[in-house]
Amino acid sequence: MTYTATYSPEDNKLRLYSSTRLDRELYARVRGAGFIYAPKQELFVAPMWTPGREDLLIELCGEIDDEDTSLVEQAEERARRRAVSSFLIARSMTRGKTYFA
């Protein structure tokens, strides 16, 4: 299992990337520290930096790297995902199929 941690000073968020699914105990620790899973990005994100969250990531990853994507790039990616979702919904309505519950 490989973990990578990043911090973005632009949005003050910590991110945890995992190569595999977290076991129950670690998942509980990560959630208890305030991280939430972002399924479309396939990572855990904390809404802001705290010393406790930093300590947890250093324990798991050894170090915290700088986030490679800027806020603009993150916004562009969100817009792309929303456009794809909108397209799938519109297509399902015209074909009588449901892709989303």
Protein backbone atom coordinates (compact mmCIF):
# COMPACT_ATOMS: atom_id res chain seq x y z
CA MET A 1 0.00 0.00 0.00
CA THR A 2 1.38 3.36 -1.03
CA TYR A 3 0.26 6.71 0.37
CA THR A 4 1.04 10.17 -0.92
CA ALA A 5 0.12 13.44 0.78
CA THR A 6 -0.06 16.93 -0.66
CA TYR A 7 -0.82 20.40 0.64
CA SER A 8 -2.08 23.33 -1.40
CA PRO A 9 -1.51 26.76 0.15
CA GLU A 10 -3.90 28.20 -2.48
CA ASP A 11 -6.91 26.48 -0.92
CA ASN A 12 -5.37 25.44 2.44
CA LYS A 13 -6.33 21.78 1.86
CA LEU A 14 -4.50 18.58 2.63
CA ARG A 15 -4.98 15.63 0.29
CA LEU A 16 -4.27 11.95 0.85
CA TYR A 17 -3.81 9.64 -2.12
CA SER A 18 -3.84 5.87 -1.58
CA SER A 19 -2.88 3.16 -4.06
CA THR A 20 -5.49 0.80 -2.56
CA ARG A 21 -8.60 0.93 -0.42
CA LEU A 22 -7.95 1.85 3.23
CA ASP A 23 -8.64 -0.82 5.83
CA ARG A 24 -11.40 -0.12 8.36
CA GLU A 25 -9.09 1.02 11.15
CA LEU A 26 -7.14 3.45 8.98
CA TYR A 27 -10.31 4.69 7.30
CA ALA A 28 -11.74 5.48 10.74
CA ARG A 29 -8.57 7.37 11.71
CA VAL A 30 -8.54 9.39 8.49
CA ARG A 31 -12.26 10.22 8.79
CA GLY A 32 -11.80 11.00 12.49
CA ALA A 33 -9.13 13.53 11.54
CA GLY A 34 -11.66 15.32 9.34
CA PHE A 35 -10.81 13.97 5.90
CA ILE A 36 -13.61 13.14 3.48
CA TYR A 37 -13.40 10.88 0.46
CA ALA A 38 -13.75 12.55 -2.93
CA PRO A 39 -14.68 9.60 -5.18
CA LYS A 40 -14.35 11.38 -8.51
CA GLN A 41 -10.84 12.52 -7.61
CA GLU A 42 -10.07 9.21 -5.86
CA LEU A 43 -8.54 10.87 -2.81
CA PHE A 44 -9.25 12.01 0.73
CA VAL A 45 -9.32 15.75 1.33
CA ALA A 46 -9.34 17.80 4.51
CA PRO A 47 -11.08 21.18 4.28
CA MET A 48 -8.18 22.96 5.96
CA TRP A 49 -4.72 22.37 7.38
CA THR A 50 -4.39 21.54 11.07
CA PRO A 51 -1.38 20.28 13.05
CA GLY A 52 -3.18 16.99 13.81
CA ARG A 53 -3.97 16.34 10.16
CA GLU A 54 -0.42 17.16 9.18
CA ASP A 55 0.91 14.75 11.83
CA LEU A 56 -1.34 11.95 10.54
CA LEU A 57 -0.19 12.44 6.96
CA ILE A 58 3.47 12.55 7.94
CA GLU A 59 2.97 9.34 9.93
CA LEU A 60 1.39 7.64 6.90
CA CYS A 61 3.44 9.15 4.07
CA GLY A 62 6.68 10.34 5.60
CA GLU A 63 6.33 13.77 4.01
CA ILE A 64 3.80 16.14 2.50
CA ASP A 65 4.45 17.32 -1.05
CA ASP A 66 3.20 20.46 -2.76
CA GLU A 67 -0.06 20.00 -4.68
CA ASP A 68 0.70 19.82 -8.41
CA THR A 69 -2.61 21.20 -9.64
CA SER A 70 -3.61 24.83 -9.29
CA LEU A 71 -7.04 26.09 -8.28
CA VAL A 72 -7.70 26.96 -11.91
CA GLU A 73 -6.84 23.42 -13.03
CA GLN A 74 -9.02 21.96 -10.27
CA ALA A 75 -11.94 24.18 -11.35
CA GLU A 76 -11.46 23.13 -14.98
CA GLU A 77 -11.53 19.46 -13.96
CA ARG A 78 -14.73 19.97 -11.93
CA ALA A 79 -16.33 21.71 -14.92
CA ARG A 80 -15.32 18.83 -17.18
CA ARG A 81 -16.83 16.25 -14.79
CA ARG A 82 -20.07 18.26 -14.57
CA ALA A 83 -20.29 18.53 -18.35
CA VAL A 84 -19.89 14.76 -18.70
CA SER A 85 -22.55 14.15 -16.05
CA SER A 86 -24.93 16.60 -17.74
CA PHE A 87 -24.36 14.89 -21.08
CA LEU A 88 -25.07 11.43 -19.62
CA ILE A 89 -28.24 12.65 -17.92
CA ALA A 90 -29.50 14.33 -21.09
CA ARG A 91 -28.71 11.25 -23.15
CA SER A 92 -30.48 8.95 -20.70
CA MET A 93 -33.59 11.14 -20.86
CA THR A 94 -33.72 10.95 -24.64
CA ARG A 95 -33.16 7.19 -24.69
CA GLY A 96 -35.39 6.36 -21.75
CA LYS A 97 -32.49 4.92 -19.74
CA THR A 98 -31.50 5.92 -16.27
CA TYR A 99 -27.80 6.28 -15.47
CA PHE A 100 -28.36 7.97 -12.12
CA ALA A 101 -30.78 7.14 -9.34
